[in-house]
Amino acid sequence: MPVLTPADLTPYDPFEGMRFGPATCFLSGQPVGPADTVPVFADWLQARYGLADRPIQLLDQSTVAFRDLRLPASPAVRQRLDALEATVAAAAAQGPGALRALGDDTLFLWLGKMFYGIFITELLNEFEPLIKSRYPLAENAALLRKFQVFFQLLQGLRVPTEYADFVPASVFVLEVDPAEDVVPFEYDDDLNTLVFSIKLDRAVLVACLADIGLIGQAMRQVYADAQRPLHPVQVAEFKARVYYGAHLLHMVPDLYPRHPRPGDTHLVFDALIDDVGAAIFNPWENAAYAQALAEMWHRWGITPAEIARDPAQPLSLLYTADGAPRQLPRWPAPAGS
């Protein structure tokens, strides 16, 4: 392991002057050349799922191929990223349990690198848009503040990092029952709430990035109940709960990097919620949640009317009417199940 200096353990801040571009390493700010890049979606992902030539549609309606999503990275950063990708690739080959065993910190960094790559592509695209985006990211001050917090936590990709008494993100690893699962790979995200989800065969990873674990705390019981093979429609409901919960989260933590000293081996962050007397989440509204659920369930043809048939209790396929975890081997479910 290389010896780290206090300068190495000082977080890099590209936001002053918005120093995002191909000439500097995205994590360190060091000058790099045109060949000094890493793929946003790792080469092993592109090879395993045939992603290289698949298009991704951006907010301005333009498209970019998976293979063309790249980030500028110094040789030292590339070495650390290669090691992370090798670790995740090995776990992914073994399934959901092995991925879960990597721990939230490792999964946060892996998922966060992909989210960052997509977010920064959208952000830079706004400066020379093909079509004016309906959701301009650069004009959203609250979103940029959340992104700054997220980027600080992402420094763990560059140097060993510890998070004092908190976790950087809420990370969930679900297992899909393969009986009715026909999609080997997919990803989706919500740039405004910093939520990212990716499916790798039987494993589905969902993360709310930079929430210091608050969504995870709120979803603790639901996640515990979901530790079993789920029908894809149940996975979609779980994701709807995470995405809607992230929408309700209205606080952004303050992060404080500890002052590094000679001999330190880790960058250490403390986190603080500024207004401890304020509610962390906005009130839950069933109608708004039902809309989020309808979007996740669109592919199964479950209509908003079916979801909101009982306005006081939106339809759930994770739970029975009496609140017990629901076994759902098939969907549509046989009559009486």
Protein backbone atom coordinates (compact mmCIF):
# COMPACT_ATOMS: atom_id res chain seq x y z
CA MET A 1 0.00 0.00 0.00
CA PRO A 2 1.46 3.42 -0.93
CA VAL A 3 2.21 5.86 1.87
CA LEU A 4 -0.49 8.52 2.02
CA THR A 5 0.31 12.13 2.77
CA PRO A 6 -2.07 14.62 4.41
CA ALA A 7 -2.60 16.07 0.91
CA ASP A 8 -3.75 12.65 -0.33
CA LEU A 9 -6.27 12.47 2.52
CA THR A 10 -7.74 15.90 1.78
CA PRO A 11 -10.98 15.60 -0.23
CA TYR A 12 -10.81 16.85 -3.79
CA ASP A 13 -13.39 19.56 -4.57
CA PRO A 14 -14.16 20.10 -8.27
CA PHE A 15 -17.20 22.29 -7.62
CA GLU A 16 -15.31 25.53 -7.29
CA GLY A 17 -15.25 26.60 -10.91
CA MET A 18 -17.16 23.42 -11.90
CA ARG A 19 -13.98 21.61 -12.95
CA PHE A 20 -15.62 18.67 -14.67
CA GLY A 21 -14.19 17.60 -17.98
CA PRO A 22 -12.00 15.12 -19.86
CA ALA A 23 -8.66 16.77 -19.00
CA THR A 24 -8.67 16.05 -15.25
CA CYS A 25 -9.16 12.90 -13.18
CA PHE A 26 -12.69 12.92 -11.87
CA LEU A 27 -11.60 11.90 -8.36
CA SER A 28 -8.27 13.66 -7.86
CA GLY A 29 -8.17 16.60 -10.27
CA GLN A 30 -4.82 15.46 -11.66
CA PRO A 31 -4.22 16.22 -15.36
CA VAL A 32 -4.85 13.20 -17.58
CA GLY A 33 -4.56 12.40 -21.26
CA PRO A 34 -7.20 11.18 -23.74
CA ALA A 35 -6.35 7.53 -23.06
CA ASP A 36 -6.67 7.88 -19.28
CA THR A 37 -10.28 6.79 -18.91
CA VAL A 38 -12.38 4.10 -17.27
CA PRO A 39 -15.81 2.85 -18.40
CA VAL A 40 -18.80 3.98 -16.35
CA PHE A 41 -20.21 0.47 -16.73
CA ALA A 42 -17.25 -1.86 -16.31
CA ASP A 43 -15.93 -3.94 -19.19
CA TRP A 44 -16.96 -7.15 -17.40
CA LEU A 45 -20.57 -5.88 -17.19
CA GLN A 46 -20.58 -4.93 -20.86
CA ALA A 47 -19.18 -8.32 -21.86
CA ARG A 48 -21.41 -10.40 -19.57
CA TYR A 49 -24.65 -8.70 -20.61
CA GLY A 50 -23.86 -7.56 -24.16
CA LEU A 51 -24.18 -3.89 -23.27
CA ALA A 52 -21.47 -2.24 -25.35
CA ASP A 53 -23.65 -1.13 -28.27
CA ARG A 54 -26.91 -0.68 -26.37
CA PRO A 55 -28.14 2.91 -26.23
CA ILE A 56 -28.90 4.97 -23.14
CA GLN A 57 -31.33 7.86 -23.58
CA LEU A 58 -30.36 11.08 -21.83
CA LEU A 59 -32.64 13.80 -20.51
CA ASP A 60 -32.11 15.96 -23.63
CA GLN A 61 -33.43 13.03 -25.72
CA SER A 62 -30.01 12.26 -27.21
CA THR A 63 -28.56 8.76 -26.86
CA VAL A 64 -25.16 7.37 -26.00
CA ALA A 65 -23.91 3.79 -26.14
CA PHE A 66 -22.83 2.05 -22.95
CA ARG A 67 -19.30 1.67 -24.36
CA ASP A 68 -19.00 5.44 -24.85
CA LEU A 69 -19.79 6.36 -21.25
CA ARG A 70 -16.32 6.91 -19.79
CA LEU A 71 -14.69 8.88 -17.01
CA PRO A 72 -11.22 10.49 -16.97
CA ALA A 73 -9.08 8.79 -14.33
CA SER A 74 -5.44 8.91 -13.28
CA PRO A 75 -3.36 5.68 -13.27
CA ALA A 76 -3.59 5.44 -9.47
CA VAL A 77 -7.37 5.82 -9.52
CA ARG A 78 -7.70 3.32 -12.37
CA GLN A 79 -5.77 0.77 -10.32
CA ARG A 80 -8.15 1.14 -7.37
CA LEU A 81 -11.20 0.99 -9.64
CA ASP A 82 -9.91 -2.14 -11.37
CA ALA A 83 -9.51 -3.83 -7.99
CA LEU A 84 -13.05 -2.83 -6.97
CA GLU A 85 -14.53 -4.12 -10.22
CA ALA A 86 -12.70 -7.43 -9.86
CA THR A 87 -14.09 -7.84 -6.35
CA VAL A 88 -17.66 -7.09 -7.41
CA ALA A 89 -17.44 -9.22 -10.56
CA ALA A 90 -16.39 -12.24 -8.51
CA ALA A 91 -19.23 -11.71 -6.04
CA ALA A 92 -21.79 -11.13 -8.80
CA ALA A 93 -20.86 -14.47 -10.35
CA GLN A 94 -21.85 -16.15 -7.07
CA GLY A 95 -25.19 -14.40 -6.63
CA PRO A 96 -27.08 -12.13 -4.23
CA GLY A 97 -25.62 -13.55 -1.02
CA ALA A 98 -22.04 -12.91 -2.10
CA LEU A 99 -22.88 -9.38 -3.19
CA ARG A 100 -24.60 -8.69 0.12
CA ALA A 101 -21.51 -9.97 1.94
CA LEU A 102 -19.35 -7.28 0.34
CA GLY A 103 -20.93 -4.75 2.69
CA ASP A 104 -22.69 -1.46 2.14
CA ASP A 105 -19.51 0.63 1.89
CA THR A 106 -18.09 -1.39 -1.00
CA LEU A 107 -21.41 -1.57 -2.82
CA PHE A 108 -21.93 2.18 -2.34
CA LEU A 109 -18.63 2.91 -4.07
CA TRP A 110 -19.37 0.52 -6.93
CA LEU A 111 -22.90 1.78 -7.51
CA GLY A 112 -21.82 5.37 -6.89
CA LYS A 113 -19.23 5.30 -9.67
CA MET A 114 -21.91 4.36 -12.20
CA PHE A 115 -24.37 6.92 -10.87
CA TYR A 116 -21.69 9.61 -10.99
CA GLY A 117 -20.85 8.75 -14.60
CA ILE A 118 -24.47 9.06 -15.69
CA PHE A 119 -25.11 12.21 -13.65
CA ILE A 120 -22.03 14.04 -14.91
CA THR A 121 -22.82 13.04 -18.50
CA GLU A 122 -26.25 14.62 -18.11
CA LEU A 123 -24.77 17.70 -16.43
CA LEU A 124 -22.15 18.30 -19.12
CA ASN A 125 -24.72 17.67 -21.83
CA GLU A 126 -26.74 20.61 -20.57
CA PHE A 127 -24.03 23.01 -21.66
CA GLU A 128 -24.40 21.94 -25.30
CA PRO A 129 -27.84 20.32 -25.46
CA LEU A 130 -29.31 18.76 -28.57
CA ILE A 131 -32.75 19.49 -27.12
CA LYS A 132 -33.39 21.60 -24.04
CA SER A 133 -33.82 19.27 -21.08
CA ARG A 134 -37.15 19.36 -19.25
CA TYR A 135 -35.27 18.90 -15.98
CA PRO A 136 -32.16 21.13 -16.02
CA LEU A 137 -29.83 19.78 -13.36
CA ALA A 138 -27.46 22.74 -13.29
CA GLU A 139 -30.29 25.08 -12.25
CA ASN A 140 -31.32 22.95 -9.26
CA ALA A 141 -29.37 24.30 -6.28
CA ALA A 142 -30.74 21.72 -3.82
CA LEU A 143 -29.80 18.87 -6.13
CA LEU A 144 -26.28 20.19 -6.64
CA ARG A 145 -25.83 20.39 -2.87
CA LYS A 146 -26.85 16.73 -2.55
CA PHE A 147 -24.48 15.88 -5.38
CA GLN A 148 -21.63 17.67 -3.56
CA VAL A 149 -22.24 15.55 -0.46
CA PHE A 150 -22.35 12.42 -2.60
CA PHE A 151 -19.09 13.36 -4.32
CA GLN A 152 -17.34 13.82 -0.99
CA LEU A 153 -18.36 10.31 0.05
CA LEU A 154 -17.23 9.00 -3.32
CA GLN A 155 -13.64 9.92 -2.42
CA GLY A 156 -13.50 6.39 -1.04
CA LEU A 157 -12.83 5.35 -4.63
CA ARG A 158 -9.57 7.32 -4.51
CA VAL A 159 -8.24 6.68 -0.99
CA PRO A 160 -9.26 4.41 1.91
CA THR A 161 -12.17 6.12 3.65
CA GLU A 162 -14.03 5.63 6.90
CA TYR A 163 -17.44 6.99 7.83
CA ALA A 164 -17.66 7.70 11.56
CA ASP A 165 -20.89 6.35 13.08
CA PHE A 166 -22.83 6.39 9.82
CA VAL A 167 -23.07 4.59 6.49
CA PRO A 168 -22.78 6.60 3.28
CA ALA A 169 -25.86 5.17 1.63
CA SER A 170 -28.85 2.89 2.04
CA VAL A 171 -28.02 -0.20 0.00
CA PHE A 172 -30.41 -3.09 -0.55
CA VAL A 173 -29.62 -6.41 -2.25
CA LEU A 174 -32.66 -8.43 -3.29
CA GLU A 175 -32.98 -11.88 -4.83
CA VAL A 176 -35.34 -12.47 -7.74
CA ASP A 177 -37.11 -15.80 -8.08
CA PRO A 178 -35.88 -17.04 -11.49
CA ALA A 179 -39.15 -18.83 -12.30
CA GLU A 180 -40.75 -15.77 -13.91
CA ASP A 181 -37.68 -13.58 -14.28
CA VAL A 182 -36.72 -13.07 -17.92
CA VAL A 183 -34.55 -9.91 -17.72
CA PRO A 184 -30.84 -10.61 -17.06
CA PHE A 185 -29.76 -6.96 -16.82
CA GLU A 186 -31.39 -3.59 -16.36
CA TYR A 187 -30.69 -0.36 -14.56
CA ASP A 188 -32.68 2.69 -13.65
CA ASP A 189 -32.07 5.81 -11.63
CA ASP A 190 -33.61 8.99 -10.33
CA LEU A 191 -31.05 11.77 -10.65
CA ASN A 192 -33.06 14.16 -8.48
CA THR A 193 -33.09 11.86 -5.44
CA LEU A 194 -29.74 10.11 -6.07
CA VAL A 195 -31.32 6.67 -6.31
CA PHE A 196 -29.73 3.99 -8.47
CA SER A 197 -30.76 0.41 -9.16
CA ILE A 198 -29.12 -2.33 -11.20
CA LYS A 199 -30.15 -5.93 -11.90
CA LEU A 200 -27.55 -8.66 -12.41
CA ASP A 201 -29.33 -11.94 -13.14
CA ARG A 202 -30.92 -13.00 -9.81
CA ALA A 203 -29.55 -10.02 -7.86
CA VAL A 204 -31.15 -6.60 -7.75
CA LEU A 205 -29.23 -3.81 -6.04
CA VAL A 206 -31.05 -0.63 -5.02
CA ALA A 207 -29.34 2.30 -3.32
CA CYS A 208 -30.22 5.75 -2.10
CA LEU A 209 -26.84 7.46 -2.30
CA ALA A 210 -25.62 10.02 0.26
CA ASP A 211 -28.62 9.64 2.59
CA ILE A 212 -26.32 8.41 5.43
CA GLY A 213 -28.52 5.34 5.83
CA LEU A 214 -31.81 7.08 6.65
CA ILE A 215 -33.86 5.26 4.01
CA GLY A 216 -32.35 1.99 5.21
CA GLN A 217 -33.46 2.70 8.75
CA ALA A 218 -36.99 3.52 7.58
CA MET A 219 -37.09 0.37 5.41
CA ARG A 220 -35.49 -1.93 7.98
CA GLN A 221 -38.52 -4.18 8.53
CA VAL A 222 -39.54 -4.30 4.87
CA TYR A 223 -35.98 -5.24 3.90
CA ALA A 224 -35.89 -7.96 6.55
CA ASP A 225 -39.17 -9.34 5.21
CA ALA A 226 -37.74 -9.28 1.67
CA GLN A 227 -34.83 -11.62 2.43
CA ARG A 228 -36.23 -14.39 0.24
CA PRO A 229 -36.63 -15.00 -3.48
CA LEU A 230 -39.15 -12.43 -4.76
CA HIS A 231 -41.28 -12.33 -7.86
CA PRO A 232 -40.12 -9.49 -10.15
CA VAL A 233 -43.39 -7.65 -9.47
CA GLN A 234 -42.55 -7.72 -5.75
CA VAL A 235 -39.07 -6.39 -6.43
CA ALA A 236 -40.72 -3.54 -8.32
CA GLU A 237 -42.86 -2.74 -5.28
CA PHE A 238 -39.80 -2.70 -3.02
CA LYS A 239 -38.10 -0.31 -5.41
CA ALA A 240 -41.17 1.92 -5.48
CA ARG A 241 -40.98 2.20 -1.70
CA VAL A 242 -37.30 3.17 -1.84
CA TYR A 243 -37.78 5.67 -4.66
CA TYR A 244 -40.77 7.27 -2.98
CA GLY A 245 -39.01 7.33 0.39
CA ALA A 246 -36.08 9.12 -1.22
CA HIS A 247 -38.52 11.65 -2.66
CA LEU A 248 -39.86 12.32 0.85
CA LEU A 249 -36.38 12.74 2.35
CA HIS A 250 -35.85 16.49 2.58
CA MET A 251 -32.65 16.85 4.57
CA VAL A 252 -29.08 16.89 3.28
CA PRO A 253 -26.41 15.93 5.80
CA ASP A 254 -23.38 18.11 6.44
CA LEU A 255 -20.09 16.24 6.08
CA TYR A 256 -16.91 17.16 7.89
CA PRO A 257 -13.62 15.56 6.83
CA ARG A 258 -11.26 15.18 9.76
CA HIS A 259 -8.00 17.07 9.44
CA PRO A 260 -5.40 14.55 8.24
CA ARG A 261 -2.17 14.08 10.15
CA PRO A 262 1.13 12.49 9.13
CA GLY A 263 0.84 8.72 9.46
CA ASP A 264 -2.93 8.59 8.89
CA THR A 265 -4.03 5.81 6.57
CA HIS A 266 -7.68 6.78 5.99
CA LEU A 267 -9.76 9.79 5.11
CA VAL A 268 -12.40 10.03 7.87
CA PHE A 269 -15.78 11.76 7.59
CA ASP A 270 -18.17 12.82 10.30
CA ALA A 271 -21.80 13.55 9.42
CA LEU A 272 -24.25 15.95 11.00
CA ILE A 273 -27.92 16.63 10.40
CA ASP A 274 -28.12 20.39 10.90
CA ASP A 275 -31.68 20.84 12.13
CA VAL A 276 -32.19 17.91 14.48
CA GLY A 277 -35.61 19.20 15.52
CA ALA A 278 -37.07 19.08 12.02
CA ALA A 279 -38.75 16.04 10.51
CA ILE A 280 -36.40 14.04 8.31
CA PHE A 281 -39.14 12.93 5.92
CA ASN A 282 -42.06 14.83 4.48
CA PRO A 283 -45.47 13.24 5.23
CA TRP A 284 -46.35 10.05 3.36
CA GLU A 285 -49.19 10.52 0.88
CA ASN A 286 -50.87 7.39 -0.41
CA ALA A 287 -51.93 9.01 -3.68
CA ALA A 288 -48.36 10.04 -4.53
CA TYR A 289 -46.99 6.64 -3.51
CA ALA A 290 -49.63 4.92 -5.65
CA GLN A 291 -48.40 6.93 -8.63
CA ALA A 292 -44.80 5.83 -8.00
CA LEU A 293 -46.01 2.24 -7.68
CA ALA A 294 -47.96 2.47 -10.93
CA GLU A 295 -44.81 3.55 -12.77
CA MET A 296 -42.89 0.56 -11.42
CA TRP A 297 -45.75 -1.84 -12.20
CA HIS A 298 -46.46 -0.53 -15.68
CA ARG A 299 -44.95 -3.55 -17.45
CA TRP A 300 -47.37 -5.88 -15.63
CA GLY A 301 -50.41 -3.85 -16.63
CA ILE A 302 -51.44 -3.04 -13.05
CA THR A 303 -53.47 0.14 -13.34
CA PRO A 304 -53.53 3.14 -10.97
CA ALA A 305 -57.20 2.36 -10.34
CA GLU A 306 -56.35 -1.14 -9.10
CA ILE A 307 -53.56 0.20 -6.90
CA ALA A 308 -55.76 2.87 -5.32
CA ARG A 309 -58.94 0.79 -5.00
CA ASP A 310 -58.66 1.29 -1.23
CA PRO A 311 -57.37 4.88 -0.85
CA ALA A 312 -56.33 4.19 2.74
CA GLN A 313 -54.20 1.17 1.78
CA PRO A 314 -52.65 1.03 -1.70
CA LEU A 315 -52.32 -2.42 -3.22
CA SER A 316 -49.33 -4.43 -2.00
CA LEU A 317 -47.92 -7.62 -3.46
CA LEU A 318 -45.16 -7.81 -0.86
CA TYR A 319 -47.69 -8.15 1.95
CA THR A 320 -51.08 -9.75 2.44
CA ALA A 321 -54.06 -7.69 3.58
CA ASP A 322 -53.28 -8.56 7.21
CA GLY A 323 -49.66 -7.43 6.89
CA ALA A 324 -47.87 -10.79 6.56
CA PRO A 325 -45.11 -11.27 3.95
CA ARG A 326 -46.80 -12.59 0.83
CA GLN A 327 -45.62 -15.61 -1.12
CA LEU A 328 -46.16 -14.93 -4.80
CA PRO A 329 -44.79 -17.69 -7.04
CA ARG A 330 -46.71 -16.43 -10.09
CA TRP A 331 -48.31 -13.27 -11.38
CA PRO A 332 -51.15 -12.85 -12.09
CA ALA A 333 -51.71 -14.91 -8.97
CA PRO A 334 -54.13 -17.84 -9.13
CA ALA A 335 -57.59 -17.05 -7.81
CA GLY A 336 -57.82 -17.18 -4.05
CA SER A 337 -54.08 -16.76 -3.41
